[in-house]
Amino acid sequence: MSTPTITTAIIAEHEWGHSVVEAEFSDGTSKRLFQFYADEIQFTEQELIGLTAEQAGALRHDRDVMYLMS
């Protein structure tokens, strides 16, 4: 059985200045993936399509690290 991938992602502004990423997966499930501060790092819905939840989390982590190192 293969790991579900993101088929739809929605990035929405949330309270306290952060954005939230919600995703629907190829197996029909949906969940909140992560949140981030849009003034620090950026994502687009399109770049998350096809990733697994783990890959999306790793992408968020990598961008956060790059921001903190800049």
PDB file of N, CA and C in Angstrom:
ATOM      1  N   MET A   1       0.841  -1.189   0.000  1.00  0.00           N
ATOM      2  CA  MET A   1       0.000   0.000   0.000  1.00  0.00           C
ATOM      3  C   MET A   1       0.881   1.246   0.000  1.00  0.00           C
ATOM      4  N   SER A   2       0.589   2.178  -0.865  1.00  0.00           N
ATOM      5  CA  SER A   2       1.419   3.371  -0.974  1.00  0.00           C
ATOM      6  C   SER A   2       0.971   4.448   0.018  1.00  0.00           C
ATOM      7  N   THR A   3       1.877   5.331   0.336  1.00  0.00           N
ATOM      8  CA  THR A   3       1.603   6.437   1.238  1.00  0.00           C
ATOM      9  C   THR A   3       0.738   7.466   0.524  1.00  0.00           C
ATOM     10  N   PRO A   4      -0.348   7.920   1.167  1.00  0.00           N
ATOM     11  CA  PRO A   4      -1.221   8.919   0.531  1.00  0.00           C
ATOM     12  C   PRO A   4      -0.460  10.211   0.225  1.00  0.00           C
ATOM     13  N   THR A   5      -0.807  10.831  -0.891  1.00  0.00           N
ATOM     14  CA  THR A   5      -0.198  12.104  -1.282  1.00  0.00           C
ATOM     15  C   THR A   5      -1.261  13.198  -1.279  1.00  0.00           C
ATOM     16  N   ILE A   6      -0.803  14.421  -1.209  1.00  0.00           N
ATOM     17  CA  ILE A   6      -1.698  15.577  -1.164  1.00  0.00           C
ATOM     18  C   ILE A   6      -2.301  15.795  -2.554  1.00  0.00           C
ATOM     19  N   THR A   7      -3.630  15.883  -2.583  1.00  0.00           N
ATOM     20  CA  THR A   7      -4.327  16.169  -3.831  1.00  0.00           C
ATOM     21  C   THR A   7      -4.843  17.607  -3.872  1.00  0.00           C
ATOM     22  N   THR A   8      -5.135  18.160  -2.695  1.00  0.00           N
ATOM     23  CA  THR A   8      -5.603  19.539  -2.582  1.00  0.00           C
ATOM     24  C   THR A   8      -4.995  20.151  -1.331  1.00  0.00           C
ATOM     25  N   ALA A   9      -4.496  21.355  -1.453  1.00  0.00           N
ATOM     26  CA  ALA A   9      -3.949  22.073  -0.291  1.00  0.00           C
ATOM     27  C   ALA A   9      -4.560  23.462  -0.248  1.00  0.00           C
ATOM     28  N   ILE A  10      -4.889  23.890   0.950  1.00  0.00           N
ATOM     29  CA  ILE A  10      -5.428  25.233   1.154  1.00  0.00           C
ATOM     30  C   ILE A  10      -4.585  25.919   2.212  1.00  0.00           C
ATOM     31  N   ILE A  11      -4.087  27.091   1.883  1.00  0.00           N
ATOM     32  CA  ILE A  11      -3.322  27.901   2.826  1.00  0.00           C
ATOM     33  C   ILE A  11      -4.208  29.069   3.225  1.00  0.00           C
ATOM     34  N   ALA A  12      -4.507  29.151   4.511  1.00  0.00           N
ATOM     35  CA  ALA A  12      -5.420  30.192   4.994  1.00  0.00           C
ATOM     36  C   ALA A  12      -4.764  30.985   6.120  1.00  0.00           C
ATOM     37  N   GLU A  13      -5.013  32.287   6.117  1.00  0.00           N
ATOM     38  CA  GLU A  13      -4.545  33.115   7.227  1.00  0.00           C
ATOM     39  C   GLU A  13      -5.352  32.752   8.459  1.00  0.00           C
ATOM     40  N   HIS A  14      -4.696  32.770   9.586  1.00  0.00           N
ATOM     41  CA  HIS A  14      -5.322  32.379  10.837  1.00  0.00           C
ATOM     42  C   HIS A  14      -5.062  33.470  11.862  1.00  0.00           C
ATOM     43  N   GLU A  15      -5.606  33.297  13.020  1.00  0.00           N
ATOM     44  CA  GLU A  15      -5.392  34.268  14.099  1.00  0.00           C
ATOM     45  C   GLU A  15      -3.912  34.355  14.467  1.00  0.00           C
ATOM     46  N   TRP A  16      -3.561  35.429  15.113  1.00  0.00           N
ATOM     47  CA  TRP A  16      -2.221  35.649  15.666  1.00  0.00           C
ATOM     48  C   TRP A  16      -1.141  35.755  14.617  1.00  0.00           C
ATOM     49  N   GLY A  17      -1.506  36.051  13.377  1.00  0.00           N
ATOM     50  CA  GLY A  17      -0.514  36.338  12.352  1.00  0.00           C
ATOM     51  C   GLY A  17       0.100  35.148  11.660  1.00  0.00           C
ATOM     52  N   HIS A  18      -0.401  33.958  11.897  1.00  0.00           N
ATOM     53  CA  HIS A  18       0.171  32.825  11.184  1.00  0.00           C
ATOM     54  C   HIS A  18      -0.809  32.267  10.166  1.00  0.00           C
ATOM     55  N   SER A  19      -0.286  31.483   9.255  1.00  0.00           N
ATOM     56  CA  SER A  19      -1.092  30.825   8.235  1.00  0.00           C
ATOM     57  C   SER A  19      -1.139  29.331   8.535  1.00  0.00           C
ATOM     58  N   VAL A  20      -2.199  28.690   8.076  1.00  0.00           N
ATOM     59  CA  VAL A  20      -2.423  27.273   8.327  1.00  0.00           C
ATOM     60  C   VAL A  20      -2.550  26.549   6.997  1.00  0.00           C
ATOM     61  N   VAL A  21      -1.937  25.374   6.902  1.00  0.00           N
ATOM     62  CA  VAL A  21      -2.043  24.551   5.702  1.00  0.00           C
ATOM     63  C   VAL A  21      -2.933  23.346   6.016  1.00  0.00           C
ATOM     64  N   GLU A  22      -4.049  23.261   5.283  1.00  0.00           N
ATOM     65  CA  GLU A  22      -4.969  22.129   5.363  1.00  0.00           C
ATOM     66  C   GLU A  22      -4.832  21.357   4.062  1.00  0.00           C
ATOM     67  N   ALA A  23      -4.875  20.020   4.142  1.00  0.00           N
ATOM     68  CA  ALA A  23      -4.684  19.218   2.936  1.00  0.00           C
ATOM     69  C   ALA A  23      -5.676  18.066   2.862  1.00  0.00           C
ATOM     70  N   GLU A  24      -6.031  17.722   1.630  1.00  0.00           N
ATOM     71  CA  GLU A  24      -6.778  16.503   1.346  1.00  0.00           C
ATOM     72  C   GLU A  24      -5.814  15.553   0.649  1.00  0.00           C
ATOM     73  N   PHE A  25      -5.965  14.266   0.954  1.00  0.00           N
ATOM     74  CA  PHE A  25      -5.030  13.259   0.465  1.00  0.00           C
ATOM     75  C   PHE A  25      -5.692  12.282  -0.500  1.00  0.00           C
ATOM     76  N   SER A  26      -4.851  11.571  -1.227  1.00  0.00           N
ATOM     77  CA  SER A  26      -5.313  10.635  -2.253  1.00  0.00           C
ATOM     78  C   SER A  26      -6.158   9.499  -1.688  1.00  0.00           C
ATOM     79  N   ASP A  27      -6.093   9.257  -0.390  1.00  0.00           N
ATOM     80  CA  ASP A  27      -6.921   8.210   0.214  1.00  0.00           C
ATOM     81  C   ASP A  27      -8.242   8.762   0.753  1.00  0.00           C
ATOM     82  N   GLY A  28      -8.525  10.045   0.496  1.00  0.00           N
ATOM     83  CA  GLY A  28      -9.780  10.648   0.916  1.00  0.00           C
ATOM     84  C   GLY A  28      -9.748  11.316   2.280  1.00  0.00           C
ATOM     85  N   THR A  29      -8.652  11.196   2.995  1.00  0.00           N
ATOM     86  CA  THR A  29      -8.551  11.831   4.312  1.00  0.00           C
ATOM     87  C   THR A  29      -8.143  13.293   4.161  1.00  0.00           C
ATOM     88  N   SER A  30      -8.351  14.044   5.227  1.00  0.00           N
ATOM     89  CA  SER A  30      -7.886  15.433   5.245  1.00  0.00           C
ATOM     90  C   SER A  30      -7.365  15.735   6.636  1.00  0.00           C
ATOM     91  N   LYS A  31      -6.423  16.674   6.700  1.00  0.00           N
ATOM     92  CA  LYS A  31      -5.879  17.070   7.999  1.00  0.00           C
ATOM     93  C   LYS A  31      -5.114  18.375   7.883  1.00  0.00           C
ATOM     94  N   ARG A  32      -4.898  18.990   9.030  1.00  0.00           N
ATOM     95  CA  ARG A  32      -4.052  20.180   9.104  1.00  0.00           C
ATOM     96  C   ARG A  32      -2.613  19.694   9.106  1.00  0.00           C
ATOM     97  N   LEU A  33      -1.829  20.217   8.169  1.00  0.00           N
ATOM     98  CA  LEU A  33      -0.439  19.785   8.058  1.00  0.00           C
ATOM     99  C   LEU A  33       0.487  20.551   8.995  1.00  0.00           C
ATOM    100  N   PHE A  34       0.430  21.886   8.897  1.00  0.00           N
ATOM    101  CA  PHE A  34       1.303  22.707   9.723  1.00  0.00           C
ATOM    102  C   PHE A  34       0.847  24.147   9.661  1.00  0.00           C
ATOM    103  N   GLN A  35       1.465  24.947  10.497  1.00  0.00           N
ATOM    104  CA  GLN A  35       1.236  26.383  10.448  1.00  0.00           C
ATOM    105  C   GLN A  35       2.588  27.070  10.319  1.00  0.00           C
ATOM    106  N   PHE A  36       2.562  28.316   9.858  1.00  0.00           N
ATOM    107  CA  PHE A  36       3.802  29.063   9.673  1.00  0.00           C
ATOM    108  C   PHE A  36       3.486  30.548   9.688  1.00  0.00           C
ATOM    109  N   TYR A  37       4.514  31.335   9.887  1.00  0.00           N
ATOM    110  CA  TYR A  37       4.375  32.786   9.841  1.00  0.00           C
ATOM    111  C   TYR A  37       4.751  33.259   8.443  1.00  0.00           C
ATOM    112  N   ALA A  38       3.776  33.823   7.738  1.00  0.00           N
ATOM    113  CA  ALA A  38       3.962  34.206   6.337  1.00  0.00           C
ATOM    114  C   ALA A  38       4.974  35.329   6.152  1.00  0.00           C
ATOM    115  N   ASP A  39       5.302  36.050   7.214  1.00  0.00           N
ATOM    116  CA  ASP A  39       6.326  37.088   7.073  1.00  0.00           C
ATOM    117  C   ASP A  39       7.733  36.500   7.201  1.00  0.00           C
ATOM    118  N   GLU A  40       7.818  35.196   7.473  1.00  0.00           N
ATOM    119  CA  GLU A  40       9.111  34.524   7.600  1.00  0.00           C
ATOM    120  C   GLU A  40       9.371  33.564   6.442  1.00  0.00           C
ATOM    121  N   ILE A  41       8.403  32.718   6.135  1.00  0.00           N
ATOM    122  CA  ILE A  41       8.544  31.740   5.055  1.00  0.00           C
ATOM    123  C   ILE A  41       7.257  31.714   4.236  1.00  0.00           C
ATOM    124  N   GLN A  42       7.342  31.214   2.998  1.00  0.00           N
ATOM    125  CA  GLN A  42       6.196  31.190   2.091  1.00  0.00           C
ATOM    126  C   GLN A  42       6.013  29.804   1.481  1.00  0.00           C
ATOM    127  N   PHE A  43       4.773  29.491   1.170  1.00  0.00           N
ATOM    128  CA  PHE A  43       4.413  28.268   0.458  1.00  0.00           C
ATOM    129  C   PHE A  43       3.313  28.604  -0.533  1.00  0.00           C
ATOM    130  N   THR A  44       3.183  27.776  -1.562  1.00  0.00           N
ATOM    131  CA  THR A  44       2.031  27.855  -2.448  1.00  0.00           C
ATOM    132  C   THR A  44       1.313  26.514  -2.379  1.00  0.00           C
ATOM    133  N   GLU A  45       0.023  26.549  -2.620  1.00  0.00           N
ATOM    134  CA  GLU A  45      -0.742  25.307  -2.623  1.00  0.00           C
ATOM    135  C   GLU A  45      -0.177  24.339  -3.652  1.00  0.00           C
ATOM    136  N   GLN A  46       0.160  24.866  -4.823  1.00  0.00           N
ATOM    137  CA  GLN A  46       0.604  24.015  -5.932  1.00  0.00           C
ATOM    138  C   GLN A  46       1.869  23.220  -5.605  1.00  0.00           C
ATOM    139  N   GLU A  47       2.805  23.807  -4.880  1.00  0.00           N
ATOM    140  CA  GLU A  47       4.046  23.079  -4.601  1.00  0.00           C
ATOM    141  C   GLU A  47       3.853  21.940  -3.607  1.00  0.00           C
ATOM    142  N   LEU A  48       2.726  21.918  -2.903  1.00  0.00           N
ATOM    143  CA  LEU A  48       2.458  20.849  -1.946  1.00  0.00           C
ATOM    144  C   LEU A  48       1.757  19.653  -2.586  1.00  0.00           C
ATOM    145  N   ILE A  49       1.116  19.861  -3.731  1.00  0.00           N
ATOM    146  CA  ILE A  49       0.402  18.789  -4.427  1.00  0.00           C
ATOM    147  C   ILE A  49       1.387  17.687  -4.801  1.00  0.00           C
ATOM    148  N   GLY A  50       1.018  16.441  -4.486  1.00  0.00           N
ATOM    149  CA  GLY A  50       1.855  15.288  -4.814  1.00  0.00           C
ATOM    150  C   GLY A  50       2.805  14.870  -3.706  1.00  0.00           C
ATOM    151  N   LEU A  51       2.971  15.718  -2.691  1.00  0.00           N
ATOM    152  CA  LEU A  51       3.837  15.364  -1.574  1.00  0.00           C
ATOM    153  C   LEU A  51       3.075  14.524  -0.545  1.00  0.00           C
ATOM    154  N   THR A  52       3.799  13.738   0.237  1.00  0.00           N
ATOM    155  CA  THR A  52       3.204  13.070   1.386  1.00  0.00           C
ATOM    156  C   THR A  52       3.190  14.060   2.549  1.00  0.00           C
ATOM    157  N   ALA A  53       2.472  13.733   3.607  1.00  0.00           N
ATOM    158  CA  ALA A  53       2.452  14.599   4.790  1.00  0.00           C
ATOM    159  C   ALA A  53       3.867  14.750   5.347  1.00  0.00           C
ATOM    160  N   GLU A  54       4.631  13.671   5.327  1.00  0.00           N
ATOM    161  CA  GLU A  54       6.009  13.714   5.826  1.00  0.00           C
ATOM    162  C   GLU A  54       6.880  14.632   4.964  1.00  0.00           C
ATOM    163  N   GLN A  55       6.743  14.547   3.660  1.00  0.00           N
ATOM    164  CA  GLN A  55       7.519  15.408   2.765  1.00  0.00           C
ATOM    165  C   GLN A  55       7.142  16.878   2.940  1.00  0.00           C
ATOM    166  N   ALA A  56       5.855  17.156   3.113  1.00  0.00           N
ATOM    167  CA  ALA A  56       5.411  18.533   3.327  1.00  0.00           C
ATOM    168  C   ALA A  56       5.980  19.071   4.641  1.00  0.00           C
ATOM    169  N   GLY A  57       5.989  18.250   5.679  1.00  0.00           N
ATOM    170  CA  GLY A  57       6.566  18.660   6.962  1.00  0.00           C
ATOM    171  C   GLY A  57       8.062  18.920   6.843  1.00  0.00           C
ATOM    172  N   ALA A  58       8.746  18.091   6.071  1.00  0.00           N
ATOM    173  CA  ALA A  58      10.187  18.282   5.862  1.00  0.00           C
ATOM    174  C   ALA A  58      10.454  19.575   5.097  1.00  0.00           C
ATOM    175  N   LEU A  59       9.602  19.888   4.118  1.00  0.00           N
ATOM    176  CA  LEU A  59       9.739  21.132   3.353  1.00  0.00           C
ATOM    177  C   LEU A  59       9.580  22.331   4.288  1.00  0.00           C
ATOM    178  N   ARG A  60       8.583  22.284   5.163  1.00  0.00           N
ATOM    179  CA  ARG A  60       8.373  23.359   6.134  1.00  0.00           C
ATOM    180  C   ARG A  60       9.592  23.503   7.045  1.00  0.00           C
ATOM    181  N   HIS A  61      10.092  22.391   7.523  1.00  0.00           N
ATOM    182  CA  HIS A  61      11.268  22.401   8.400  1.00  0.00           C
ATOM    183  C   HIS A  61      12.471  23.019   7.685  1.00  0.00           C
ATOM    184  N   ASP A  62      12.720  22.585   6.463  1.00  0.00           N
ATOM    185  CA  ASP A  62      13.866  23.106   5.710  1.00  0.00           C
ATOM    186  C   ASP A  62      13.768  24.617   5.496  1.00  0.00           C
ATOM    187  N   ARG A  63      12.582  25.089   5.161  1.00  0.00           N
ATOM    188  CA  ARG A  63      12.411  26.530   4.947  1.00  0.00           C
ATOM    189  C   ARG A  63      12.573  27.302   6.243  1.00  0.00           C
ATOM    190  N   ASP A  64      12.089  26.735   7.326  1.00  0.00           N
ATOM    191  CA  ASP A  64      12.233  27.388   8.625  1.00  0.00           C
ATOM    192  C   ASP A  64      13.705  27.498   9.007  1.00  0.00           C
ATOM    193  N   VAL A  65      14.451  26.428   8.798  1.00  0.00           N
ATOM    194  CA  VAL A  65      15.885  26.424   9.096  1.00  0.00           C
ATOM    195  C   VAL A  65      16.612  27.475   8.251  1.00  0.00           C
ATOM    196  N   MET A  66      16.271  27.521   6.951  1.00  0.00           N
ATOM    197  CA  MET A  66      16.915  28.492   6.064  1.00  0.00           C
ATOM    198  C   MET A  66      16.597  29.931   6.525  1.00  0.00           C
ATOM    199  N   TYR A  67      15.365  30.168   6.940  1.00  0.00           N
ATOM    200  CA  TYR A  67      14.995  31.498   7.433  1.00  0.00           C
ATOM    201  C   TYR A  67      15.803  31.846   8.692  1.00  0.00           C
ATOM    202  N   LEU A  68      15.888  30.904   9.603  1.00  0.00           N
ATOM    203  CA  LEU A  68      16.600  31.156  10.858  1.00  0.00           C
ATOM    204  C   LEU A  68      18.092  31.362  10.643  1.00  0.00           C
ATOM    205  N   MET A  69      18.634  30.773   9.595  1.00  0.00           N
ATOM    206  CA  MET A  69      20.061  30.917   9.308  1.00  0.00           C
ATOM    207  C   MET A  69      20.374  32.182   8.509  1.00  0.00           C
ATOM    208  N   SER A  70      19.336  32.852   8.003  1.00  0.00           N
ATOM    209  CA  SER A  70      19.591  34.038   7.182  1.00  0.00           C
ATOM    210  C   SER A  70      19.802  35.287   8.023  1.00  0.00           C
TER     211      SER A  70
END
